[in-house]
């Protein structure tokens, strides 16, 4: 059985949004001590942040902003992550329907 998974994150430098697509396969005999998983990288890319959102994130990390700014950044980060995933899938001709887990 194969499960296709997308991992997405951005590190503390906020230099970009990292997207990795991997296939996870069961290996070995079910129920045996040698049962395990095998990972295969399908694709990987870093998608740049929108400059204004990146600035907002860095300002918030430095202690600036208020509740409104945090709420706007929260929405913007979620949307940016989703857009980055869709961009990487499209650039690699991978249909969204092939993804089992994000």
N, C-alpha and C. Protein backbone atom coordinates (compact mmCIF):
# COMPACT_ATOMS: atom_id res chain seq x y z
N UNK A 1 0.84 -1.18 0.00
CA UNK A 1 0.00 0.00 0.00
C UNK A 1 0.89 1.24 0.00
N UNK A 2 0.50 2.24 -0.78
CA UNK A 2 1.24 3.49 -0.87
C UNK A 2 0.36 4.62 -0.36
N UNK A 3 0.95 5.50 0.44
CA UNK A 3 0.27 6.70 0.91
C UNK A 3 1.13 7.88 0.48
N UNK A 4 0.53 8.85 -0.20
CA UNK A 4 1.25 10.04 -0.63
C UNK A 4 0.95 11.16 0.36
N UNK A 5 2.03 11.75 0.89
CA UNK A 5 1.93 12.74 1.95
C UNK A 5 2.64 14.02 1.54
N UNK A 6 2.06 15.16 1.92
CA UNK A 6 2.69 16.46 1.72
C UNK A 6 3.09 17.00 3.09
N UNK A 7 4.35 17.42 3.19
CA UNK A 7 4.81 18.12 4.37
C UNK A 7 5.09 19.56 4.00
N UNK A 8 4.70 20.47 4.88
CA UNK A 8 4.90 21.89 4.59
C UNK A 8 5.32 22.60 5.87
N UNK A 9 6.32 23.48 5.73
CA UNK A 9 6.78 24.23 6.90
C UNK A 9 7.58 25.44 6.45
N UNK A 10 7.80 26.33 7.41
CA UNK A 10 8.72 27.44 7.20
C UNK A 10 9.53 27.57 8.47
N UNK A 11 10.82 27.69 8.32
CA UNK A 11 11.70 27.79 9.48
C UNK A 11 11.72 29.18 10.07
N UNK A 12 12.51 29.34 11.12
CA UNK A 12 12.57 30.61 11.85
C UNK A 12 13.15 31.75 11.03
N UNK A 13 13.89 31.45 9.97
CA UNK A 13 14.42 32.53 9.13
C UNK A 13 13.36 33.10 8.20
N UNK A 14 12.25 32.40 8.05
CA UNK A 14 11.13 32.82 7.20
C UNK A 14 11.63 33.14 5.79
N UNK A 15 12.56 32.31 5.29
CA UNK A 15 13.10 32.57 3.96
C UNK A 15 12.24 31.97 2.85
N UNK A 16 11.35 31.05 3.19
CA UNK A 16 10.47 30.47 2.19
C UNK A 16 9.60 29.39 2.82
N UNK A 17 8.69 28.88 2.02
CA UNK A 17 7.80 27.81 2.45
C UNK A 17 8.30 26.53 1.79
N UNK A 18 8.73 25.58 2.62
CA UNK A 18 9.26 24.31 2.12
C UNK A 18 8.12 23.32 1.97
N UNK A 19 8.04 22.72 0.79
CA UNK A 19 7.00 21.72 0.50
C UNK A 19 7.69 20.45 0.02
N UNK A 20 7.37 19.35 0.69
CA UNK A 20 7.90 18.05 0.28
C UNK A 20 6.74 17.10 0.05
N UNK A 21 6.82 16.35 -1.03
CA UNK A 21 5.83 15.30 -1.31
C UNK A 21 6.59 13.98 -1.25
N UNK A 22 6.09 13.07 -0.43
CA UNK A 22 6.73 11.76 -0.30
C UNK A 22 5.69 10.65 -0.41
N UNK A 23 6.15 9.51 -0.89
CA UNK A 23 5.34 8.30 -0.88
C UNK A 23 5.84 7.43 0.26
N UNK A 24 4.92 6.90 1.04
CA UNK A 24 5.25 5.99 2.13
C UNK A 24 4.65 4.64 1.77
N UNK A 25 5.51 3.62 1.78
CA UNK A 25 5.07 2.26 1.44
C UNK A 25 5.38 1.33 2.60
N UNK A 26 4.47 0.39 2.82
CA UNK A 26 4.72 -0.67 3.78
C UNK A 26 5.70 -1.65 3.15
N UNK A 27 6.66 -2.10 3.93
CA UNK A 27 7.60 -3.11 3.46
C UNK A 27 7.68 -4.22 4.50
N UNK A 28 8.02 -5.38 4.04
CA UNK A 28 8.10 -6.53 4.94
C UNK A 28 6.77 -7.26 5.02
N UNK A 29 6.77 -8.29 5.79
CA UNK A 29 5.58 -9.12 5.92
C UNK A 29 4.73 -8.63 7.08
N UNK A 30 3.44 -8.43 6.82
CA UNK A 30 2.52 -7.97 7.87
C UNK A 30 2.56 -8.91 9.06
N UNK A 31 2.60 -8.31 10.24
CA UNK A 31 2.60 -9.09 11.46
C UNK A 31 3.95 -9.64 11.85
N UNK A 32 4.97 -9.41 11.03
CA UNK A 32 6.31 -9.93 11.35
C UNK A 32 7.14 -8.83 12.01
N UNK A 33 8.26 -9.22 12.57
CA UNK A 33 9.18 -8.26 13.19
C UNK A 33 9.87 -7.39 12.15
N UNK A 34 9.81 -7.80 10.88
CA UNK A 34 10.48 -7.06 9.83
C UNK A 34 9.55 -6.10 9.08
N UNK A 35 8.35 -5.88 9.62
CA UNK A 35 7.41 -4.93 9.01
C UNK A 35 7.92 -3.52 9.23
N UNK A 36 7.84 -2.70 8.23
CA UNK A 36 8.29 -1.32 8.36
C UNK A 36 7.75 -0.45 7.25
N UNK A 37 8.34 0.72 7.10
CA UNK A 37 7.93 1.67 6.08
C UNK A 37 9.14 2.13 5.29
N UNK A 38 8.88 2.47 4.05
CA UNK A 38 9.90 2.99 3.15
C UNK A 38 9.39 4.32 2.61
N UNK A 39 10.23 5.35 2.66
CA UNK A 39 9.86 6.65 2.14
C UNK A 39 10.61 6.94 0.85
N UNK A 40 9.88 7.51 -0.09
CA UNK A 40 10.48 7.91 -1.36
C UNK A 40 10.08 9.35 -1.65
N UNK A 41 11.08 10.21 -1.85
CA UNK A 41 10.79 11.61 -2.18
C UNK A 41 10.24 11.69 -3.59
N UNK A 42 9.09 12.32 -3.73
CA UNK A 42 8.48 12.53 -5.03
C UNK A 42 8.95 13.87 -5.59
N UNK A 43 8.89 14.91 -4.77
CA UNK A 43 9.38 16.23 -5.16
C UNK A 43 9.54 17.10 -3.93
N UNK A 44 10.32 18.16 -4.09
CA UNK A 44 10.59 19.10 -3.00
C UNK A 44 10.83 20.46 -3.62
N UNK A 45 10.33 21.51 -2.98
CA UNK A 45 10.60 22.87 -3.46
C UNK A 45 10.41 23.85 -2.32
N UNK A 46 11.09 24.98 -2.45
CA UNK A 46 10.89 26.10 -1.54
C UNK A 46 10.20 27.20 -2.33
N UNK A 47 9.07 27.64 -1.83
CA UNK A 47 8.29 28.70 -2.47
C UNK A 47 8.50 29.98 -1.66
N UNK A 48 8.91 31.08 -2.30
CA UNK A 48 9.17 32.31 -1.54
C UNK A 48 7.91 32.89 -0.90
N UNK A 49 8.10 33.50 0.26
CA UNK A 49 7.01 34.22 0.91
C UNK A 49 6.68 35.49 0.12
N UNK A 50 5.43 35.91 0.18
CA UNK A 50 5.07 37.24 -0.28
C UNK A 50 5.84 38.22 0.63
N UNK A 51 6.54 39.19 0.06
CA UNK A 51 7.39 40.08 0.88
C UNK A 51 6.63 40.80 2.01
N UNK A 52 5.41 41.24 1.75
CA UNK A 52 4.69 41.96 2.81
C UNK A 52 4.27 41.02 3.94
N UNK A 53 3.88 39.78 3.61
CA UNK A 53 3.53 38.82 4.65
C UNK A 53 4.77 38.42 5.44
N UNK A 54 5.88 38.24 4.74
CA UNK A 54 7.14 37.91 5.43
C UNK A 54 7.51 39.00 6.42
N UNK A 55 7.38 40.25 6.01
CA UNK A 55 7.68 41.37 6.91
C UNK A 55 6.76 41.35 8.13
N UNK A 56 5.48 41.09 7.91
CA UNK A 56 4.54 41.01 9.03
C UNK A 56 4.94 39.91 10.01
N UNK A 57 5.31 38.75 9.48
CA UNK A 57 5.72 37.63 10.33
C UNK A 57 6.95 38.01 11.15
N UNK A 58 7.94 38.58 10.50
CA UNK A 58 9.16 38.97 11.20
C UNK A 58 8.88 40.05 12.25
N UNK A 59 8.01 41.01 11.93
CA UNK A 59 7.63 42.04 12.90
C UNK A 59 6.95 41.41 14.12
N UNK A 60 6.05 40.44 13.88
CA UNK A 60 5.38 39.77 14.98
C UNK A 60 6.38 38.99 15.84
N UNK A 61 7.33 38.35 15.21
CA UNK A 61 8.35 37.59 15.95
C UNK A 61 9.21 38.52 16.81
N UNK A 62 9.35 39.75 16.39
CA UNK A 62 10.15 40.72 17.13
C UNK A 62 9.33 41.41 18.22
N UNK A 63 8.07 41.00 18.38
CA UNK A 63 7.24 41.57 19.44
C UNK A 63 6.32 42.68 18.99
N UNK A 64 6.32 42.99 17.71
CA UNK A 64 5.44 44.05 17.22
C UNK A 64 4.04 43.51 16.93
N UNK A 65 3.13 44.39 16.64
CA UNK A 65 1.79 43.97 16.23
C UNK A 65 0.80 43.91 17.38
N UNK A 66 -0.39 43.52 17.03
CA UNK A 66 -1.49 43.42 18.00
C UNK A 66 -2.37 42.24 17.60
N UNK A 67 -3.47 42.05 18.28
CA UNK A 67 -4.35 40.92 18.01
C UNK A 67 -4.84 40.92 16.56
N UNK A 68 -5.17 42.07 16.04
CA UNK A 68 -5.64 42.17 14.66
C UNK A 68 -4.55 41.70 13.69
N UNK A 69 -3.32 42.16 13.91
CA UNK A 69 -2.21 41.77 13.05
C UNK A 69 -1.96 40.27 13.12
N UNK A 70 -2.05 39.71 14.32
CA UNK A 70 -1.86 38.27 14.49
C UNK A 70 -2.93 37.50 13.73
N UNK A 71 -4.19 37.95 13.83
CA UNK A 71 -5.29 37.26 13.13
C UNK A 71 -5.11 37.33 11.62
N UNK A 72 -4.72 38.48 11.12
CA UNK A 72 -4.50 38.63 9.68
C UNK A 72 -3.33 37.75 9.23
N UNK A 73 -2.26 37.72 10.01
CA UNK A 73 -1.10 36.89 9.66
C UNK A 73 -1.47 35.41 9.71
N UNK A 74 -2.26 35.02 10.69
CA UNK A 74 -2.68 33.62 10.81
C UNK A 74 -3.40 33.17 9.54
N UNK A 75 -4.34 33.96 9.08
CA UNK A 75 -5.06 33.65 7.84
C UNK A 75 -4.08 33.64 6.66
N UNK A 76 -3.23 34.66 6.58
CA UNK A 76 -2.29 34.77 5.46
C UNK A 76 -1.31 33.61 5.39
N UNK A 77 -0.84 33.16 6.54
CA UNK A 77 0.10 32.04 6.57
C UNK A 77 -0.59 30.76 6.10
N UNK A 78 -1.80 30.52 6.58
CA UNK A 78 -2.53 29.33 6.14
C UNK A 78 -2.78 29.34 4.64
N UNK A 79 -3.18 30.50 4.13
CA UNK A 79 -3.42 30.61 2.68
C UNK A 79 -2.12 30.45 1.90
N UNK A 80 -1.04 31.04 2.39
CA UNK A 80 0.26 30.92 1.71
C UNK A 80 0.72 29.47 1.68
N UNK A 81 0.53 28.73 2.79
CA UNK A 81 0.91 27.32 2.81
C UNK A 81 0.08 26.54 1.78
N UNK A 82 -1.22 26.77 1.76
CA UNK A 82 -2.08 26.09 0.80
C UNK A 82 -1.70 26.41 -0.64
N UNK A 83 -1.45 27.68 -0.92
CA UNK A 83 -1.05 28.10 -2.27
C UNK A 83 0.29 27.47 -2.65
N UNK A 84 1.23 27.40 -1.70
CA UNK A 84 2.54 26.81 -1.98
C UNK A 84 2.38 25.33 -2.34
N UNK A 85 1.55 24.62 -1.60
CA UNK A 85 1.30 23.21 -1.90
C UNK A 85 0.74 23.06 -3.31
N UNK A 86 -0.27 23.84 -3.64
CA UNK A 86 -0.88 23.75 -4.96
C UNK A 86 0.12 24.09 -6.06
N UNK A 87 0.98 25.08 -5.83
CA UNK A 87 2.00 25.45 -6.81
C UNK A 87 2.96 24.29 -7.06
N UNK A 88 3.45 23.67 -5.98
CA UNK A 88 4.41 22.57 -6.13
C UNK A 88 3.75 21.37 -6.82
N UNK A 89 2.52 21.07 -6.46
CA UNK A 89 1.82 19.97 -7.12
C UNK A 89 1.66 20.25 -8.61
N UNK A 90 1.25 21.47 -8.94
CA UNK A 90 1.04 21.83 -10.35
C UNK A 90 2.36 21.78 -11.13
N UNK A 91 3.43 22.32 -10.55
CA UNK A 91 4.73 22.32 -11.23
C UNK A 91 5.27 20.91 -11.47
N UNK A 92 4.80 19.96 -10.68
CA UNK A 92 5.28 18.58 -10.82
C UNK A 92 4.23 17.65 -11.41
N UNK A 93 3.18 18.24 -11.99
CA UNK A 93 2.10 17.48 -12.64
C UNK A 93 1.50 16.41 -11.72
N UNK A 94 1.31 16.78 -10.45
CA UNK A 94 0.71 15.86 -9.48
C UNK A 94 -0.69 16.35 -9.16
N UNK A 95 -1.71 15.54 -9.40
CA UNK A 95 -3.07 15.98 -9.08
C UNK A 95 -3.29 16.01 -7.57
N UNK A 96 -4.05 16.99 -7.12
CA UNK A 96 -4.39 17.09 -5.70
C UNK A 96 -5.05 15.80 -5.22
N UNK A 97 -5.80 15.15 -6.08
CA UNK A 97 -6.49 13.91 -5.71
C UNK A 97 -5.52 12.77 -5.39
N UNK A 98 -4.24 12.91 -5.75
CA UNK A 98 -3.27 11.84 -5.45
C UNK A 98 -2.71 11.97 -4.03
N UNK A 99 -3.07 13.05 -3.33
CA UNK A 99 -2.55 13.29 -1.98
C UNK A 99 -3.51 12.70 -0.95
N UNK A 100 -2.94 11.92 -0.03
CA UNK A 100 -3.74 11.30 1.02
C UNK A 100 -3.72 12.07 2.33
N UNK A 101 -2.65 12.82 2.56
CA UNK A 101 -2.47 13.48 3.85
C UNK A 101 -1.57 14.70 3.68
N UNK A 102 -1.94 15.77 4.36
CA UNK A 102 -1.09 16.98 4.39
C UNK A 102 -0.73 17.24 5.83
